[in-house]
Amino acid sequence: MPETLTDDLFHELALTLLPGIGPQLTRQLMSYGGSAKNVLLMPPGKLRRIPGVGPKMVASLTGPERATALRRAEQDLRQAEKEGVEILFYTNKRYPRRLKQISDAPAILYYQGPADLNAPKTVAIVGTRQATDYGREQTERLVRGLVPHQPLVVSGLAYGIDILAHRAALQEGLPTVGVMATGLDVIYPAAHRKTADKMREVGGLLSEFPFGTPPDRYNFPARNRIIAGLADGTVVVEATAKGGALITAELALGYDRDVLAVPGPLGALTSEGCNALIKNNKAALYQEPKDLEMLLNWDAALHQSGKFKPAPSYSPDDFTPDEFALLAVLAAASGREAQMDDLAWKAQLPIHAVAALLLGLEFRGVVRALPGKQFALA
């Protein structure tokens, strides 16, 4: 194992490399074991008492598959160090706070690039792979309108609207991150390698998949949930009646994130999806930057007038990791109250721990308690 990398990360990565262990089971195991190393050293009898762990999983955690995962983790850590890739377990402070709030967030991420995954403002731009000249024009116009806010632009590096959004962001000097359905060392499609290389320098590439993972078709819907989870809001520029862009929009709605859609000409196949989202009240109409600014509370004039109270900023150095996770969830609520059980779910913390943490934060004057076990930032 590379000397510069921690023993904790070595075991955390090995745990995620075991077959059959998804993000939710990883969190379950961590809650019982306290650390990935403890989980991997846990005797079979104790593992069997953990809910969701059956005989096959016990065999995986204690047998030859564990040894294989440990060897693979060491290889991947060496490759990550060599290539400048950061590996973020979900307990890492640099793990994206917005993404951590969703129930099916990846347990681990591979990241390469200087862009801040916890940027104050983040927007996803997605759409069809069969982008038209209209889609290109609207994407470039949309990105130009974002420049005053300097947000992080997130998309999927795919053909069509995705790559147009990345290239427009680079052109306008905005940081942009591509969420990949492959390992970071497998650029797909290969035609976008030059753009991907530029993004490594001034933006970033992100994946939940280990090095060497090919573009399996099942990986793309999984990739879409990361795009939706990373952003304050998702804008669909062009979309057919079915496709990945609509999956991303539905996921964003399920995560209680805002969705906007650019309307298109009636009868145009590449606008059927956007028009349907608007018609069915699943997406707000996007015609100009003001539409997005209003929906996401980015409008400077409204903030200056006092209609909206700016969200306070907190330093992670002033709070424990669990306290900071709760504050991040409350800040993302944009002034709305949140139920205690909802806070526990989004912060991935036990409900009894959340109650004690909120009481402590209330005493410090950081949060305020409201009727019905609801809480908000003070």
Protein backbone atom coordinates (compact mmCIF):
# COMPACT_ATOMS: atom_id res chain seq x y z
CA MET A 1 0.00 0.00 0.00
CA PRO A 2 1.39 3.50 -0.87
CA GLU A 3 2.83 5.14 2.21
CA THR A 4 1.05 8.44 1.53
CA LEU A 5 -2.39 6.82 1.59
CA THR A 6 -4.18 5.91 4.79
CA ASP A 7 -4.90 2.48 6.16
CA ASP A 8 -8.55 3.55 6.51
CA LEU A 9 -8.90 4.30 2.80
CA PHE A 10 -7.26 0.99 1.90
CA HIS A 11 -9.91 -0.97 3.80
CA GLU A 12 -12.77 1.34 2.73
CA LEU A 13 -11.88 0.79 -0.91
CA ALA A 14 -11.53 -2.97 -0.41
CA LEU A 15 -14.98 -3.10 1.18
CA THR A 16 -16.58 -1.43 -1.86
CA LEU A 17 -14.77 -3.80 -4.24
CA LEU A 18 -16.41 -6.89 -2.76
CA PRO A 19 -19.12 -8.29 -5.06
CA GLY A 20 -22.71 -7.80 -3.95
CA ILE A 21 -22.03 -4.95 -1.52
CA GLY A 22 -23.88 -1.86 -2.69
CA PRO A 23 -23.90 1.62 -1.14
CA GLN A 24 -26.70 0.94 1.34
CA LEU A 25 -25.24 -2.32 2.63
CA THR A 26 -21.85 -0.60 2.92
CA ARG A 27 -23.41 1.99 5.22
CA GLN A 28 -25.18 -0.74 7.19
CA LEU A 29 -21.93 -2.62 7.70
CA MET A 30 -20.10 0.57 8.69
CA SER A 31 -22.77 1.44 11.24
CA TYR A 32 -22.23 -1.92 12.96
CA GLY A 33 -18.48 -2.21 12.53
CA GLY A 34 -17.47 1.40 13.10
CA SER A 35 -14.80 1.19 10.38
CA ALA A 36 -14.18 -0.72 7.18
CA LYS A 37 -11.20 -2.46 8.76
CA ASN A 38 -13.37 -3.71 11.62
CA VAL A 39 -15.95 -4.99 9.13
CA LEU A 40 -13.32 -6.91 7.15
CA LEU A 41 -11.94 -8.46 10.33
CA MET A 42 -15.33 -9.28 11.84
CA PRO A 43 -15.91 -12.99 12.63
CA PRO A 44 -18.69 -14.82 10.73
CA GLY A 45 -20.91 -15.19 13.78
CA LYS A 46 -21.01 -11.46 14.36
CA LEU A 47 -21.53 -10.70 10.66
CA ARG A 48 -24.57 -12.99 10.56
CA ARG A 49 -26.28 -10.87 13.22
CA ILE A 50 -26.20 -7.77 10.98
CA PRO A 51 -29.53 -7.19 9.17
CA GLY A 52 -29.22 -7.73 5.44
CA VAL A 53 -26.13 -9.95 5.67
CA GLY A 54 -26.82 -13.51 4.52
CA PRO A 55 -24.59 -16.60 4.17
CA LYS A 56 -23.30 -15.59 0.73
CA MET A 57 -22.26 -12.15 2.01
CA VAL A 58 -20.59 -13.66 5.08
CA ALA A 59 -18.58 -15.94 2.78
CA SER A 60 -17.60 -12.95 0.64
CA LEU A 61 -16.48 -10.93 3.67
CA THR A 62 -14.42 -13.71 5.22
CA GLY A 63 -13.23 -15.92 2.34
CA PRO A 64 -11.12 -15.70 -0.83
CA GLU A 65 -13.14 -12.79 -2.25
CA ARG A 66 -11.99 -10.62 0.65
CA ALA A 67 -8.35 -11.40 -0.15
CA THR A 68 -8.98 -10.57 -3.81
CA ALA A 69 -10.62 -7.25 -2.89
CA LEU A 70 -7.69 -6.31 -0.64
CA ARG A 71 -5.20 -7.01 -3.44
CA ARG A 72 -7.29 -5.02 -5.92
CA ALA A 73 -7.59 -2.12 -3.45
CA GLU A 74 -3.81 -1.92 -3.14
CA GLN A 75 -3.43 -1.91 -6.93
CA ASP A 76 -6.07 0.80 -7.36
CA LEU A 77 -4.54 2.97 -4.63
CA ARG A 78 -1.18 2.80 -6.39
CA GLN A 79 -2.76 3.67 -9.72
CA ALA A 80 -4.72 6.53 -8.14
CA GLU A 81 -1.58 7.98 -6.60
CA LYS A 82 0.30 7.68 -9.89
CA GLU A 83 -2.45 9.35 -11.94
CA GLY A 84 -3.48 12.02 -9.44
CA VAL A 85 -6.90 10.51 -8.76
CA GLU A 86 -8.58 11.24 -5.43
CA ILE A 87 -10.63 8.42 -3.93
CA LEU A 88 -13.45 9.68 -1.71
CA PHE A 89 -15.27 7.36 0.70
CA TYR A 90 -18.65 8.71 1.79
CA THR A 91 -17.28 9.63 5.23
CA ASN A 92 -14.61 11.89 3.70
CA LYS A 93 -15.14 15.64 4.29
CA ARG A 94 -14.48 16.29 0.59
CA TYR A 95 -17.22 13.90 -0.53
CA PRO A 96 -19.91 16.01 -2.29
CA ARG A 97 -22.40 17.17 0.35
CA ARG A 98 -25.33 17.40 -2.06
CA LEU A 99 -24.74 13.86 -3.28
CA LYS A 100 -24.43 12.48 0.23
CA GLN A 101 -28.01 13.60 0.92
CA ILE A 102 -29.53 11.06 -1.50
CA SER A 103 -30.35 7.61 -0.18
CA ASP A 104 -28.57 5.70 -2.97
CA ALA A 105 -25.42 7.82 -3.11
CA PRO A 106 -22.27 5.87 -4.06
CA ALA A 107 -20.19 4.66 -1.14
CA ILE A 108 -17.02 5.67 -2.96
CA LEU A 109 -16.02 8.07 -5.75
CA TYR A 110 -12.96 8.37 -7.97
CA TYR A 111 -12.22 12.00 -8.81
CA GLN A 112 -9.61 13.71 -10.95
CA GLY A 113 -9.49 17.48 -11.37
CA PRO A 114 -9.30 20.80 -9.50
CA ALA A 115 -13.00 21.77 -9.58
CA ASP A 116 -14.78 22.01 -6.22
CA LEU A 117 -17.43 19.29 -5.96
CA ASN A 118 -18.96 21.33 -3.11
CA ALA A 119 -19.15 24.57 -5.10
CA PRO A 120 -21.70 27.07 -3.72
CA LYS A 121 -23.74 26.77 -6.93
CA THR A 122 -24.00 23.67 -9.09
CA VAL A 123 -26.20 22.98 -12.10
CA ALA A 124 -26.60 19.88 -14.27
CA ILE A 125 -27.24 20.22 -18.00
CA VAL A 126 -28.43 17.12 -19.84
CA GLY A 127 -30.17 16.15 -23.03
CA THR A 128 -30.42 13.89 -26.03
CA ARG A 129 -27.43 12.40 -27.83
CA GLN A 130 -29.09 13.43 -31.13
CA ALA A 131 -28.72 17.16 -30.49
CA THR A 132 -29.86 19.53 -33.22
CA ASP A 133 -28.61 22.98 -34.16
CA TYR A 134 -31.41 24.32 -31.96
CA GLY A 135 -30.11 22.26 -29.04
CA ARG A 136 -26.57 23.49 -29.60
CA GLU A 137 -27.73 27.11 -29.72
CA GLN A 138 -29.84 26.77 -26.56
CA THR A 139 -27.06 24.98 -24.65
CA GLU A 140 -24.51 27.67 -25.48
CA ARG A 141 -27.03 30.40 -24.64
CA LEU A 142 -27.85 28.71 -21.32
CA VAL A 143 -24.20 28.40 -20.29
CA ARG A 144 -23.49 32.06 -21.20
CA GLY A 145 -26.35 33.05 -18.93
CA LEU A 146 -24.75 31.16 -16.04
CA VAL A 147 -21.45 33.08 -16.18
CA PRO A 148 -22.40 35.79 -13.60
CA HIS A 149 -23.02 33.03 -11.03
CA GLN A 150 -19.83 31.02 -11.77
CA PRO A 151 -21.47 27.67 -10.98
CA LEU A 152 -20.05 24.19 -11.38
CA VAL A 153 -21.57 22.71 -14.56
CA VAL A 154 -22.21 18.96 -14.38
CA SER A 155 -23.03 16.59 -17.22
CA GLY A 156 -22.28 13.09 -18.49
CA LEU A 157 -19.59 13.51 -21.21
CA ALA A 158 -21.91 11.76 -23.68
CA TYR A 159 -22.62 12.67 -27.29
CA GLY A 160 -25.08 15.49 -27.92
CA ILE A 161 -26.17 17.98 -25.27
CA ASP A 162 -23.77 16.63 -22.61
CA ILE A 163 -20.55 17.30 -24.51
CA LEU A 164 -21.95 20.59 -25.82
CA ALA A 165 -22.54 21.71 -22.23
CA HIS A 166 -19.00 20.74 -21.18
CA ARG A 167 -17.44 22.53 -24.16
CA ALA A 168 -19.57 25.64 -23.68
CA ALA A 169 -18.55 25.77 -20.01
CA LEU A 170 -14.87 25.47 -20.93
CA GLN A 171 -15.32 28.21 -23.52
CA GLU A 172 -16.91 30.51 -20.94
CA GLY A 173 -14.32 29.74 -18.24
CA LEU A 174 -16.74 27.84 -15.99
CA PRO A 175 -15.63 24.74 -14.07
CA THR A 176 -17.28 21.62 -15.44
CA VAL A 177 -17.30 18.01 -14.22
CA GLY A 178 -18.09 14.97 -16.34
CA VAL A 179 -19.72 12.05 -14.52
CA MET A 180 -18.61 8.84 -16.21
CA ALA A 181 -20.18 5.41 -16.57
CA THR A 182 -16.71 3.85 -16.85
CA GLY A 183 -13.48 3.88 -14.88
CA LEU A 184 -11.61 7.17 -15.05
CA ASP A 185 -9.00 5.54 -17.28
CA VAL A 186 -11.60 4.53 -19.88
CA ILE A 187 -12.79 7.63 -21.74
CA TYR A 188 -16.11 6.92 -23.43
CA PRO A 189 -16.82 7.90 -26.10
CA ALA A 190 -13.16 8.01 -27.18
CA ALA A 191 -13.97 10.93 -29.50
CA HIS A 192 -14.32 13.14 -26.42
CA ARG A 193 -10.83 12.44 -25.06
CA LYS A 194 -9.47 15.88 -25.95
CA THR A 195 -12.32 17.58 -24.07
CA ALA A 196 -11.93 15.16 -21.16
CA ASP A 197 -8.19 15.93 -20.95
CA LYS A 198 -8.99 19.66 -20.78
CA MET A 199 -11.57 19.00 -18.06
CA ARG A 200 -8.97 17.15 -15.98
CA GLU A 201 -6.92 20.37 -15.98
CA VAL A 202 -9.60 22.97 -15.22
CA GLY A 203 -12.71 20.99 -14.24
CA GLY A 204 -12.93 17.35 -13.34
CA LEU A 205 -13.88 13.78 -14.15
CA LEU A 206 -15.87 11.73 -11.64
CA SER A 207 -16.90 8.07 -11.43
CA GLU A 208 -18.09 5.53 -8.90
CA PHE A 209 -16.58 2.72 -10.97
CA PRO A 210 -13.08 1.28 -10.41
CA PHE A 211 -10.25 1.63 -12.90
CA GLY A 212 -10.72 -0.45 -16.03
CA THR A 213 -14.54 -0.55 -15.89
CA PRO A 214 -15.87 -0.67 -19.49
CA PRO A 215 -18.98 1.20 -20.71
CA ASP A 216 -21.54 -1.41 -19.67
CA ARG A 217 -25.05 -0.26 -20.56
CA TYR A 218 -26.26 -0.85 -16.99
CA ASN A 219 -23.76 1.71 -15.71
CA PHE A 220 -25.39 4.66 -17.47
CA PRO A 221 -28.63 4.85 -15.44
CA ALA A 222 -26.49 4.55 -12.28
CA ARG A 223 -24.32 7.39 -13.57
CA ASN A 224 -27.42 9.55 -14.07
CA ARG A 225 -28.30 9.48 -10.35
CA ILE A 226 -24.91 11.02 -9.56
CA ILE A 227 -25.50 13.82 -12.06
CA ALA A 228 -28.89 14.56 -10.49
CA GLY A 229 -27.57 14.27 -6.94
CA LEU A 230 -24.60 16.59 -7.47
CA ALA A 231 -26.64 19.57 -8.61
CA ASP A 232 -28.95 22.17 -7.09
CA GLY A 233 -31.04 21.86 -10.23
CA THR A 234 -31.10 20.03 -13.56
CA VAL A 235 -31.82 21.65 -16.93
CA VAL A 236 -32.98 19.42 -19.79
CA VAL A 237 -32.20 21.16 -23.09
CA GLU A 238 -33.41 18.63 -25.66
CA ALA A 239 -34.88 15.19 -25.01
CA THR A 240 -36.80 12.59 -26.96
CA ALA A 241 -39.85 10.86 -25.49
CA LYS A 242 -37.57 8.27 -23.86
CA GLY A 243 -33.94 8.40 -22.88
CA GLY A 244 -31.28 9.06 -20.28
CA ALA A 245 -32.06 12.75 -19.92
CA LEU A 246 -35.59 12.00 -18.76
CA ILE A 247 -34.24 9.39 -16.33
CA THR A 248 -31.97 12.06 -14.87
CA ALA A 249 -34.89 14.49 -14.58
CA GLU A 250 -37.05 11.90 -12.80
CA LEU A 251 -34.21 11.09 -10.42
CA ALA A 252 -33.71 14.77 -9.64
CA LEU A 253 -37.42 15.13 -8.85
CA GLY A 254 -37.19 12.10 -6.57
CA TYR A 255 -34.31 13.77 -4.73
CA ASP A 256 -36.41 16.93 -4.25
CA ARG A 257 -34.18 18.89 -6.63
CA ASP A 258 -35.49 21.45 -9.11
CA VAL A 259 -35.84 20.57 -12.80
CA LEU A 260 -36.15 22.95 -15.72
CA ALA A 261 -36.71 22.18 -19.40
CA VAL A 262 -36.12 24.19 -22.56
CA PRO A 263 -39.27 24.11 -24.72
CA GLY A 264 -38.88 23.07 -28.34
CA PRO A 265 -40.80 23.18 -31.61
CA LEU A 266 -44.01 21.16 -31.71
CA GLY A 267 -43.50 18.00 -33.69
CA ALA A 268 -39.74 17.91 -33.16
CA LEU A 269 -38.79 14.46 -31.85
CA THR A 270 -35.84 15.89 -29.93
CA SER A 271 -38.15 18.22 -27.98
CA GLU A 272 -40.93 15.76 -27.14
CA GLY A 273 -39.39 14.92 -23.76
CA CYS A 274 -38.86 18.55 -22.70
CA ASN A 275 -42.34 19.62 -23.76
CA ALA A 276 -43.86 16.66 -21.89
CA LEU A 277 -41.93 17.53 -18.70
CA ILE A 278 -43.31 21.07 -18.84
CA LYS A 279 -46.84 19.96 -19.76
CA ASN A 280 -46.96 17.47 -16.88
CA ASN A 281 -45.64 20.03 -14.37
CA LYS A 282 -42.49 17.98 -13.78
CA ALA A 283 -40.20 20.76 -14.97
CA ALA A 284 -40.26 24.54 -14.86
CA LEU A 285 -40.09 26.37 -18.17
CA TYR A 286 -36.61 27.64 -19.04
CA GLN A 287 -36.53 30.58 -21.45
CA GLU A 288 -33.90 32.86 -19.96
CA PRO A 289 -31.36 32.86 -17.10
CA LYS A 290 -33.84 34.60 -14.80
CA ASP A 291 -36.01 31.46 -14.82
CA LEU A 292 -33.20 29.41 -13.31
CA GLU A 293 -32.10 32.19 -10.96
CA MET A 294 -35.59 32.52 -9.50
CA LEU A 295 -36.16 28.78 -9.10
CA LEU A 296 -32.79 28.14 -7.41
CA ASN A 297 -32.77 31.38 -5.38
CA TRP A 298 -29.76 32.64 -7.31
CA ASP A 299 -31.30 35.98 -8.19
CA ALA A 300 -29.01 38.67 -6.73
CA ALA A 301 -31.67 41.37 -6.80
CA LEU A 302 -34.07 39.27 -4.72
CA HIS A 303 -31.37 38.55 -2.16
CA GLN A 304 -30.42 42.23 -1.94
CA SER A 305 -34.04 43.25 -1.45
CA GLY A 306 -34.28 40.98 1.57
CA LYS A 307 -37.02 38.81 0.10
CA PHE A 308 -34.74 35.83 0.59
CA LYS A 309 -32.33 35.45 3.45
CA PRO A 310 -28.88 34.36 2.23
CA ALA A 311 -27.86 30.97 3.57
CA PRO A 312 -25.15 31.35 6.21
CA SER A 313 -21.80 29.76 5.46
CA TYR A 314 -20.16 27.47 7.96
CA SER A 315 -16.65 26.13 8.23
CA PRO A 316 -16.21 22.38 8.75
CA ASP A 317 -13.41 23.24 11.18
CA ASP A 318 -15.98 24.63 13.64
CA PHE A 319 -18.13 21.49 13.82
CA THR A 320 -17.84 17.74 14.05
CA PRO A 321 -18.34 15.86 10.74
CA ASP A 322 -21.84 14.77 11.84
CA GLU A 323 -22.83 18.31 12.88
CA PHE A 324 -21.56 19.67 9.58
CA ALA A 325 -23.51 17.01 7.66
CA LEU A 326 -26.74 18.17 9.35
CA LEU A 327 -25.95 21.82 8.63
CA ALA A 328 -25.35 20.99 4.97
CA VAL A 329 -28.77 19.32 4.74
CA LEU A 330 -30.47 22.30 6.40
CA ALA A 331 -28.62 24.76 4.16
CA ALA A 332 -29.71 22.81 1.07
CA ALA A 333 -33.34 23.23 2.21
CA SER A 334 -33.04 26.94 1.28
CA GLY A 335 -34.83 28.23 4.37
CA ARG A 336 -37.50 25.53 4.47
CA GLU A 337 -38.09 23.51 7.63
CA ALA A 338 -37.00 19.88 7.77
CA GLN A 339 -38.35 16.98 9.80
CA MET A 340 -35.94 15.19 12.13
CA ASP A 341 -36.34 11.81 10.39
CA ASP A 342 -35.78 13.45 7.00
CA LEU A 343 -32.59 15.05 8.34
CA ALA A 344 -31.39 11.68 9.61
CA TRP A 345 -32.01 10.02 6.26
CA LYS A 346 -30.35 12.73 4.15
CA ALA A 347 -27.35 13.05 6.48
CA GLN A 348 -27.04 9.25 6.74
CA LEU A 349 -27.08 9.39 10.55
CA PRO A 350 -29.00 7.36 13.18
CA ILE A 351 -32.13 9.16 14.39
CA HIS A 352 -31.05 9.03 18.06
CA ALA A 353 -27.74 10.68 17.15
CA VAL A 354 -29.51 13.39 15.14
CA ALA A 355 -31.68 14.31 18.13
CA ALA A 356 -28.62 14.85 20.33
CA LEU A 357 -26.75 16.74 17.63
CA LEU A 358 -29.66 19.08 16.93
CA LEU A 359 -30.01 19.84 20.63
CA GLY A 360 -26.36 20.79 20.81
CA LEU A 361 -26.61 22.96 17.68
CA GLU A 362 -29.73 24.62 19.09
CA PHE A 363 -27.86 25.52 22.29
CA ARG A 364 -25.14 27.08 20.14
CA GLY A 365 -27.73 29.19 18.32
CA VAL A 366 -27.02 27.59 14.94
CA VAL A 367 -30.39 25.89 14.42
CA ARG A 368 -33.87 26.56 15.75
CA ALA A 369 -36.50 24.02 16.73
CA LEU A 370 -40.03 24.41 15.35
CA PRO A 371 -43.32 22.68 16.16
CA GLY A 372 -43.79 19.14 14.89
CA LYS A 373 -40.13 18.11 15.34
CA GLN A 374 -39.08 20.39 12.51
CA PHE A 375 -35.81 22.32 12.35
CA ALA A 376 -34.27 25.16 10.35
CA LEU A 377 -31.10 27.20 10.36
CA ALA A 378 -31.24 30.03 12.90
